[in-house]
Amino acid sequence: MVNPAGWSVWEGEFPSKTLYYGEYSNQGPGAGAGKRVKWPGYHVITSANEAMKFTVAELIQGGMAEGYWSCL
């Protein structure tokens, strides 16, 4: 079972105050975000368009024109 808090506290305050923790479309036991941590960087992503910003393709391409990597 997933801990309802969703995340474990790291040493120090740096991670909980500076990192972006996002959840999108979780399902199953422990998926409810109502008891999650209250960190400034924790976000429930509700839009597919917002979630797309975190896909592997977007991270690798970084907004480059489609097909850029396949032409190398």
C-alpha atoms as a PDB file:
ATOM      1  CA  MET A   1       0.000   0.000   0.000  1.00  0.00           C
ATOM      2  CA  VAL A   2       1.239   3.455  -0.842  1.00  0.00           C
ATOM      3  CA  ASN A   3       1.782   5.766   2.105  1.00  0.00           C
ATOM      4  CA  PRO A   4      -1.031   8.383   1.921  1.00  0.00           C
ATOM      5  CA  ALA A   5       1.557  11.151   2.381  1.00  0.00           C
ATOM      6  CA  GLY A   6       2.922  10.074  -1.012  1.00  0.00           C
ATOM      7  CA  TRP A   7       6.535  11.055  -0.395  1.00  0.00           C
ATOM      8  CA  SER A   8       9.220  10.387   2.189  1.00  0.00           C
ATOM      9  CA  VAL A   9      10.960  13.316   3.821  1.00  0.00           C
ATOM     10  CA  TRP A  10      14.568  13.701   2.681  1.00  0.00           C
ATOM     11  CA  GLU A  11      17.304  14.992   4.935  1.00  0.00           C
ATOM     12  CA  GLY A  12      17.125  18.761   5.369  1.00  0.00           C
ATOM     13  CA  GLU A  13      14.587  21.195   3.925  1.00  0.00           C
ATOM     14  CA  PHE A  14      16.115  21.603   0.459  1.00  0.00           C
ATOM     15  CA  PRO A  15      14.075  18.900  -1.343  1.00  0.00           C
ATOM     16  CA  SER A  16      10.685  19.746   0.128  1.00  0.00           C
ATOM     17  CA  LYS A  17      11.078  23.467  -0.580  1.00  0.00           C
ATOM     18  CA  THR A  18      12.833  23.511  -3.960  1.00  0.00           C
ATOM     19  CA  LEU A  19      11.870  20.434  -6.008  1.00  0.00           C
ATOM     20  CA  TYR A  20       8.752  19.900  -8.126  1.00  0.00           C
ATOM     21  CA  TYR A  21       6.803  16.794  -7.140  1.00  0.00           C
ATOM     22  CA  GLY A  22       3.934  16.057  -9.512  1.00  0.00           C
ATOM     23  CA  GLU A  23       1.183  13.443  -9.665  1.00  0.00           C
ATOM     24  CA  TYR A  24      -1.080  12.809 -12.611  1.00  0.00           C
ATOM     25  CA  SER A  25      -3.967  10.391 -12.990  1.00  0.00           C
ATOM     26  CA  ASN A  26      -2.954   8.011 -10.198  1.00  0.00           C
ATOM     27  CA  GLN A  27      -5.251   5.043  -9.661  1.00  0.00           C
ATOM     28  CA  GLY A  28      -5.706   2.253  -7.146  1.00  0.00           C
ATOM     29  CA  PRO A  29      -5.103   1.975  -3.398  1.00  0.00           C
ATOM     30  CA  GLY A  30      -3.334   5.034  -2.044  1.00  0.00           C
ATOM     31  CA  ALA A  31      -4.050   7.122  -5.144  1.00  0.00           C
ATOM     32  CA  GLY A  32      -6.225   9.694  -3.378  1.00  0.00           C
ATOM     33  CA  ALA A  33      -4.192  12.884  -2.984  1.00  0.00           C
ATOM     34  CA  GLY A  34      -6.209  14.316  -0.080  1.00  0.00           C
ATOM     35  CA  LYS A  35      -3.673  13.288   2.578  1.00  0.00           C
ATOM     36  CA  ARG A  36      -0.536  14.159   0.621  1.00  0.00           C
ATOM     37  CA  VAL A  37       2.332  16.247   1.915  1.00  0.00           C
ATOM     38  CA  LYS A  38       1.772  20.004   2.060  1.00  0.00           C
ATOM     39  CA  TRP A  39       5.105  20.965   0.493  1.00  0.00           C
ATOM     40  CA  PRO A  40       5.333  24.048  -1.740  1.00  0.00           C
ATOM     41  CA  GLY A  41       6.642  21.924  -4.608  1.00  0.00           C
ATOM     42  CA  TYR A  42       3.931  19.239  -4.489  1.00  0.00           C
ATOM     43  CA  HIS A  43       1.329  19.473  -7.264  1.00  0.00           C
ATOM     44  CA  VAL A  44      -1.599  17.397  -8.452  1.00  0.00           C
ATOM     45  CA  ILE A  45      -1.600  17.725 -12.234  1.00  0.00           C
ATOM     46  CA  THR A  46      -5.175  17.642 -13.518  1.00  0.00           C
ATOM     47  CA  SER A  47      -4.669  18.432 -17.193  1.00  0.00           C
ATOM     48  CA  ALA A  48      -3.277  16.076 -19.848  1.00  0.00           C
ATOM     49  CA  ASN A  49      -1.661  19.085 -21.547  1.00  0.00           C
ATOM     50  CA  GLU A  50       0.180  19.967 -18.330  1.00  0.00           C
ATOM     51  CA  ALA A  51       1.241  16.328 -17.810  1.00  0.00           C
ATOM     52  CA  MET A  52       2.663  16.201 -21.355  1.00  0.00           C
ATOM     53  CA  LYS A  53       5.361  18.670 -20.263  1.00  0.00           C
ATOM     54  CA  PHE A  54       6.878  15.864 -18.172  1.00  0.00           C
ATOM     55  CA  THR A  55       6.982  13.085 -20.778  1.00  0.00           C
ATOM     56  CA  VAL A  56      10.291  11.597 -21.901  1.00  0.00           C
ATOM     57  CA  ALA A  57       9.841  12.993 -25.419  1.00  0.00           C
ATOM     58  CA  GLU A  58       9.334  16.528 -24.130  1.00  0.00           C
ATOM     59  CA  LEU A  59      12.282  16.322 -21.763  1.00  0.00           C
ATOM     60  CA  ILE A  60      14.615  14.975 -24.466  1.00  0.00           C
ATOM     61  CA  GLN A  61      13.434  17.283 -27.231  1.00  0.00           C
ATOM     62  CA  GLY A  62      13.151  20.297 -24.976  1.00  0.00           C
ATOM     63  CA  GLY A  63      10.792  22.043 -27.358  1.00  0.00           C
ATOM     64  CA  MET A  64      12.926  21.339 -30.457  1.00  0.00           C
ATOM     65  CA  ALA A  65      11.184  20.905 -33.771  1.00  0.00           C
ATOM     66  CA  GLU A  66       9.521  17.535 -34.292  1.00  0.00           C
ATOM     67  CA  GLY A  67      11.854  15.113 -36.036  1.00  0.00           C
ATOM     68  CA  TYR A  68      15.054  16.860 -34.902  1.00  0.00           C
ATOM     69  CA  TRP A  69      16.543  13.797 -33.194  1.00  0.00           C
ATOM     70  CA  SER A  70      15.654  11.401 -36.020  1.00  0.00           C
ATOM     71  CA  CYS A  71      17.629  13.458 -38.553  1.00  0.00           C
ATOM     72  CA  LEU A  72      20.920  13.212 -36.607  1.00  0.00           C
END
